[in-house]
Amino acid sequence: MKAKEYAQKFNDDRTLTTFTEICNDFMRECGELINARSAKTDSAALAIFREQDDKWRAFCGLVPGIRREGFRLLTKEKFPVIFQAMGWGDLEDRDVLGRKVDD
């Protein structure tokens, strides 16, 4: 699904349920793309996560109030090893909602 299609879906139903579905779809797409492209190397898989992050940021540009770093924070929550490999350490002290986490 394209960023503008996700934006339309959210704008049609601005609920937590819809937002959660969109987040899950973004993550599910990563796996689908890895399989569809037969990505066998780390660099190929990381490129797909980078593409999804770019699409998330495009989605945010179409839907005011959605955090631009949301996909990165979601990746940190679901796939911490990928988060580290992507070099997104500037968000290391944030939870999935972007709140500062105290150690």
N, C-alpha and C. Protein backbone atom coordinates (compact mmCIF):
# COMPACT_ATOMS: atom_id res chain seq x y z
N MET A 1 0.84 -1.17 0.00
CA MET A 1 0.00 0.00 0.00
C MET A 1 0.89 1.24 0.00
N LYS A 2 0.47 2.25 -0.66
CA LYS A 2 1.25 3.49 -0.74
C LYS A 2 0.94 4.41 0.45
N ALA A 3 1.84 5.34 0.71
CA ALA A 3 1.68 6.26 1.83
C ALA A 3 0.36 7.01 1.72
N LYS A 4 -0.01 7.44 0.52
CA LYS A 4 -1.24 8.22 0.39
C LYS A 4 -2.47 7.35 0.64
N GLU A 5 -2.37 6.05 0.34
CA GLU A 5 -3.49 5.14 0.65
C GLU A 5 -3.63 4.94 2.16
N TYR A 6 -2.50 4.83 2.85
CA TYR A 6 -2.55 4.75 4.31
C TYR A 6 -3.11 6.03 4.91
N ALA A 7 -2.73 7.17 4.36
CA ALA A 7 -3.24 8.45 4.85
C ALA A 7 -4.76 8.53 4.66
N GLN A 8 -5.23 8.09 3.51
CA GLN A 8 -6.67 8.08 3.25
C GLN A 8 -7.40 7.17 4.24
N LYS A 9 -6.83 6.01 4.46
CA LYS A 9 -7.43 5.05 5.41
C LYS A 9 -7.54 5.68 6.79
N PHE A 10 -6.47 6.34 7.24
CA PHE A 10 -6.49 6.95 8.57
C PHE A 10 -7.43 8.16 8.61
N ASN A 11 -7.41 8.98 7.57
CA ASN A 11 -8.29 10.14 7.55
C ASN A 11 -9.77 9.76 7.51
N ASP A 12 -10.06 8.59 6.92
CA ASP A 12 -11.44 8.11 6.89
C ASP A 12 -11.91 7.61 8.24
N ASP A 13 -10.98 7.18 9.09
CA ASP A 13 -11.33 6.63 10.40
C ASP A 13 -10.18 6.88 11.37
N ARG A 14 -10.17 8.06 11.97
CA ARG A 14 -9.07 8.47 12.84
C ARG A 14 -9.24 7.88 14.23
N THR A 15 -9.06 6.57 14.32
CA THR A 15 -9.18 5.88 15.60
C THR A 15 -7.88 5.17 15.92
N LEU A 16 -7.73 4.80 17.18
CA LEU A 16 -6.56 4.05 17.60
C LEU A 16 -6.52 2.69 16.90
N THR A 17 -7.69 2.11 16.70
CA THR A 17 -7.76 0.81 16.02
C THR A 17 -7.20 0.91 14.60
N THR A 18 -7.61 1.92 13.87
CA THR A 18 -7.11 2.10 12.50
C THR A 18 -5.61 2.38 12.51
N PHE A 19 -5.17 3.22 13.42
CA PHE A 19 -3.74 3.51 13.50
C PHE A 19 -2.94 2.25 13.81
N THR A 20 -3.43 1.44 14.72
CA THR A 20 -2.77 0.18 15.07
C THR A 20 -2.70 -0.74 13.85
N GLU A 21 -3.79 -0.81 13.10
CA GLU A 21 -3.80 -1.62 11.87
C GLU A 21 -2.74 -1.14 10.88
N ILE A 22 -2.61 0.17 10.75
CA ILE A 22 -1.62 0.73 9.83
C ILE A 22 -0.20 0.37 10.30
N CYS A 23 0.06 0.51 11.59
CA CYS A 23 1.37 0.14 12.13
C CYS A 23 1.67 -1.33 11.85
N ASN A 24 0.69 -2.19 12.11
CA ASN A 24 0.87 -3.62 11.86
C ASN A 24 1.09 -3.89 10.37
N ASP A 25 0.37 -3.17 9.52
CA ASP A 25 0.54 -3.34 8.07
C ASP A 25 1.95 -2.97 7.63
N PHE A 26 2.49 -1.88 8.18
CA PHE A 26 3.86 -1.48 7.83
C PHE A 26 4.85 -2.58 8.19
N MET A 27 4.69 -3.17 9.37
CA MET A 27 5.59 -4.24 9.79
C MET A 27 5.39 -5.49 8.93
N ARG A 28 4.15 -5.83 8.67
CA ARG A 28 3.84 -7.01 7.86
C ARG A 28 4.42 -6.86 6.44
N GLU A 29 4.35 -5.64 5.91
CA GLU A 29 4.90 -5.38 4.57
C GLU A 29 6.40 -5.66 4.52
N CYS A 30 7.10 -5.39 5.60
CA CYS A 30 8.55 -5.68 5.63
C CYS A 30 8.78 -7.16 5.33
N GLY A 31 8.07 -8.02 6.04
CA GLY A 31 8.22 -9.46 5.82
C GLY A 31 7.80 -9.88 4.43
N GLU A 32 6.70 -9.31 3.96
CA GLU A 32 6.22 -9.65 2.61
C GLU A 32 7.23 -9.24 1.54
N LEU A 33 7.82 -8.06 1.70
CA LEU A 33 8.80 -7.59 0.73
C LEU A 33 10.08 -8.42 0.78
N ILE A 34 10.49 -8.79 1.96
CA ILE A 34 11.67 -9.65 2.10
C ILE A 34 11.44 -10.96 1.36
N ASN A 35 10.26 -11.53 1.53
CA ASN A 35 9.95 -12.79 0.83
C ASN A 35 9.79 -12.58 -0.67
N ALA A 36 9.08 -11.55 -1.07
CA ALA A 36 8.82 -11.31 -2.50
C ALA A 36 10.12 -11.05 -3.26
N ARG A 37 11.06 -10.39 -2.61
CA ARG A 37 12.32 -10.05 -3.27
C ARG A 37 13.40 -11.11 -3.02
N SER A 38 13.03 -12.13 -2.28
CA SER A 38 14.00 -13.17 -1.90
C SER A 38 15.26 -12.56 -1.30
N ALA A 39 15.05 -11.61 -0.39
CA ALA A 39 16.17 -10.92 0.26
C ALA A 39 16.89 -11.91 1.18
N LYS A 40 18.11 -12.21 0.84
CA LYS A 40 18.86 -13.22 1.59
C LYS A 40 20.02 -12.61 2.40
N THR A 41 20.32 -11.37 2.16
CA THR A 41 21.42 -10.74 2.89
C THR A 41 20.88 -9.72 3.88
N ASP A 42 21.69 -9.43 4.88
CA ASP A 42 21.31 -8.41 5.85
C ASP A 42 21.08 -7.07 5.16
N SER A 43 21.96 -6.72 4.24
CA SER A 43 21.85 -5.42 3.58
C SER A 43 20.55 -5.32 2.77
N ALA A 44 20.12 -6.41 2.16
CA ALA A 44 18.87 -6.39 1.40
C ALA A 44 17.67 -6.20 2.33
N ALA A 45 17.68 -6.88 3.47
CA ALA A 45 16.59 -6.75 4.43
C ALA A 45 16.57 -5.35 5.04
N LEU A 46 17.74 -4.82 5.37
CA LEU A 46 17.81 -3.48 5.95
C LEU A 46 17.35 -2.43 4.95
N ALA A 47 17.62 -2.64 3.67
CA ALA A 47 17.15 -1.70 2.64
C ALA A 47 15.62 -1.65 2.63
N ILE A 48 14.99 -2.78 2.86
CA ILE A 48 13.52 -2.81 2.90
C ILE A 48 13.01 -2.03 4.10
N PHE A 49 13.65 -2.18 5.24
CA PHE A 49 13.24 -1.40 6.42
C PHE A 49 13.45 0.10 6.17
N ARG A 50 14.52 0.44 5.46
CA ARG A 50 14.77 1.84 5.12
C ARG A 50 13.66 2.38 4.20
N GLU A 51 13.25 1.57 3.23
CA GLU A 51 12.16 1.97 2.34
C GLU A 51 10.86 2.18 3.13
N GLN A 52 10.60 1.29 4.07
CA GLN A 52 9.38 1.42 4.87
C GLN A 52 9.45 2.67 5.74
N ASP A 53 10.63 2.98 6.26
CA ASP A 53 10.79 4.21 7.05
C ASP A 53 10.53 5.43 6.17
N ASP A 54 11.03 5.41 4.95
CA ASP A 54 10.77 6.52 4.03
C ASP A 54 9.28 6.66 3.75
N LYS A 55 8.62 5.52 3.56
CA LYS A 55 7.18 5.56 3.30
C LYS A 55 6.43 6.08 4.53
N TRP A 56 6.86 5.67 5.73
CA TRP A 56 6.24 6.17 6.96
C TRP A 56 6.35 7.70 7.03
N ARG A 57 7.52 8.20 6.69
CA ARG A 57 7.73 9.65 6.74
C ARG A 57 6.86 10.36 5.71
N ALA A 58 6.64 9.74 4.56
CA ALA A 58 5.73 10.31 3.57
C ALA A 58 4.30 10.29 4.10
N PHE A 59 3.93 9.21 4.76
CA PHE A 59 2.61 9.09 5.40
C PHE A 59 2.43 10.22 6.42
N CYS A 60 3.45 10.48 7.21
CA CYS A 60 3.38 11.55 8.22
C CYS A 60 3.21 12.92 7.59
N GLY A 61 3.79 13.12 6.43
CA GLY A 61 3.62 14.38 5.74
C GLY A 61 2.19 14.61 5.27
N LEU A 62 1.43 13.53 5.14
CA LEU A 62 0.05 13.62 4.69
C LEU A 62 -0.95 13.62 5.84
N VAL A 63 -0.49 13.23 7.03
CA VAL A 63 -1.37 13.13 8.20
C VAL A 63 -0.73 13.90 9.35
N PRO A 64 -1.15 15.14 9.57
CA PRO A 64 -0.58 15.93 10.67
C PRO A 64 -0.77 15.24 12.02
N GLY A 65 0.24 15.35 12.85
CA GLY A 65 0.17 14.82 14.20
C GLY A 65 0.76 13.44 14.38
N ILE A 66 1.14 12.78 13.30
CA ILE A 66 1.77 11.46 13.41
C ILE A 66 3.28 11.68 13.48
N ARG A 67 3.92 11.00 14.42
CA ARG A 67 5.36 11.18 14.65
C ARG A 67 6.19 10.62 13.49
N ARG A 68 7.09 11.46 12.98
CA ARG A 68 7.95 11.05 11.86
C ARG A 68 8.87 9.88 12.23
N GLU A 69 9.22 9.78 13.50
CA GLU A 69 10.10 8.69 13.92
C GLU A 69 9.31 7.46 14.37
N GLY A 70 8.02 7.45 14.13
CA GLY A 70 7.15 6.35 14.58
C GLY A 70 7.56 4.98 14.08
N PHE A 71 7.92 4.86 12.81
CA PHE A 71 8.31 3.55 12.28
C PHE A 71 9.60 3.09 12.94
N ARG A 72 10.50 4.01 13.19
CA ARG A 72 11.76 3.65 13.84
C ARG A 72 11.51 3.17 15.26
N LEU A 73 10.61 3.85 15.97
CA LEU A 73 10.30 3.44 17.33
C LEU A 73 9.57 2.09 17.35
N LEU A 74 8.73 1.87 16.38
CA LEU A 74 8.04 0.59 16.27
C LEU A 74 9.05 -0.53 15.96
N THR A 75 10.00 -0.24 15.09
CA THR A 75 11.05 -1.22 14.79
C THR A 75 11.86 -1.52 16.04
N LYS A 76 12.16 -0.50 16.82
CA LYS A 76 12.90 -0.70 18.06
C LYS A 76 12.15 -1.65 18.99
N GLU A 77 10.85 -1.47 19.07
CA GLU A 77 10.01 -2.29 19.94
C GLU A 77 9.91 -3.74 19.45
N LYS A 78 9.71 -3.91 18.15
CA LYS A 78 9.46 -5.24 17.57
C LYS A 78 10.75 -5.98 17.19
N PHE A 79 11.72 -5.24 16.67
CA PHE A 79 12.96 -5.84 16.15
C PHE A 79 14.17 -5.03 16.61
N PRO A 80 14.54 -5.12 17.89
CA PRO A 80 15.64 -4.28 18.40
C PRO A 80 16.96 -4.47 17.67
N VAL A 81 17.24 -5.68 17.19
CA VAL A 81 18.50 -5.91 16.47
C VAL A 81 18.51 -5.14 15.16
N ILE A 82 17.39 -5.12 14.47
CA ILE A 82 17.30 -4.35 13.21
C ILE A 82 17.41 -2.87 13.51
N PHE A 83 16.76 -2.42 14.58
CA PHE A 83 16.85 -1.01 15.00
C PHE A 83 18.31 -0.61 15.18
N GLN A 84 19.07 -1.44 15.88
CA GLN A 84 20.49 -1.15 16.09
C GLN A 84 21.26 -1.16 14.78
N ALA A 85 20.99 -2.15 13.94
CA ALA A 85 21.70 -2.26 12.66
C ALA A 85 21.43 -1.07 11.75
N MET A 86 20.25 -0.47 11.89
CA MET A 86 19.89 0.68 11.06
C MET A 86 20.61 1.95 11.52
N GLY A 87 21.18 1.92 12.72
CA GLY A 87 21.88 3.10 13.21
C GLY A 87 20.96 4.20 13.71
N TRP A 88 19.81 3.79 14.20
CA TRP A 88 18.83 4.76 14.69
C TRP A 88 18.99 4.99 16.19
N GLY A 89 20.23 4.96 16.67
CA GLY A 89 20.53 5.08 18.09
C GLY A 89 20.11 6.38 18.74
N ASP A 90 19.84 7.42 17.93
CA ASP A 90 19.41 8.69 18.50
C ASP A 90 18.06 8.55 19.20
N LEU A 91 17.37 7.44 18.98
CA LEU A 91 16.07 7.19 19.62
C LEU A 91 16.19 6.12 20.70
N GLU A 92 17.40 5.81 21.09
CA GLU A 92 17.65 4.72 22.03
C GLU A 92 16.89 4.90 23.35
N ASP A 93 16.74 6.13 23.80
CA ASP A 93 16.11 6.37 25.09
C ASP A 93 14.62 6.69 24.98
N ARG A 94 13.98 6.29 23.87
CA ARG A 94 12.56 6.56 23.65
C ARG A 94 11.78 5.25 23.57
N ASP A 95 10.53 5.29 24.05
CA ASP A 95 9.68 4.11 23.90
C ASP A 95 8.91 4.23 22.58
N VAL A 96 8.03 3.26 22.35
CA VAL A 96 7.34 3.20 21.05
C VAL A 96 6.44 4.43 20.81
N LEU A 97 6.07 5.12 21.87
CA LEU A 97 5.27 6.33 21.72
C LEU A 97 6.12 7.59 21.67
N GLY A 98 7.44 7.42 21.72
CA GLY A 98 8.34 8.56 21.63
C GLY A 98 8.63 9.22 22.97
N ARG A 99 8.15 8.60 24.05
CA ARG A 99 8.39 9.17 25.38
C ARG A 99 9.78 8.79 25.88
N LYS A 100 10.42 9.72 26.57
CA LYS A 100 11.74 9.46 27.13
C LYS A 100 11.62 8.39 28.21
N VAL A 101 12.52 7.41 28.13
CA VAL A 101 12.51 6.30 29.09
C VAL A 101 13.61 6.53 30.10
N ASP A 102 13.26 6.47 31.36
CA ASP A 102 14.26 6.60 32.42
C ASP A 102 14.84 5.24 32.73
N ASP A 103 16.16 5.20 32.90
CA ASP A 103 16.81 3.92 33.22
C ASP A 103 16.64 3.57 34.67
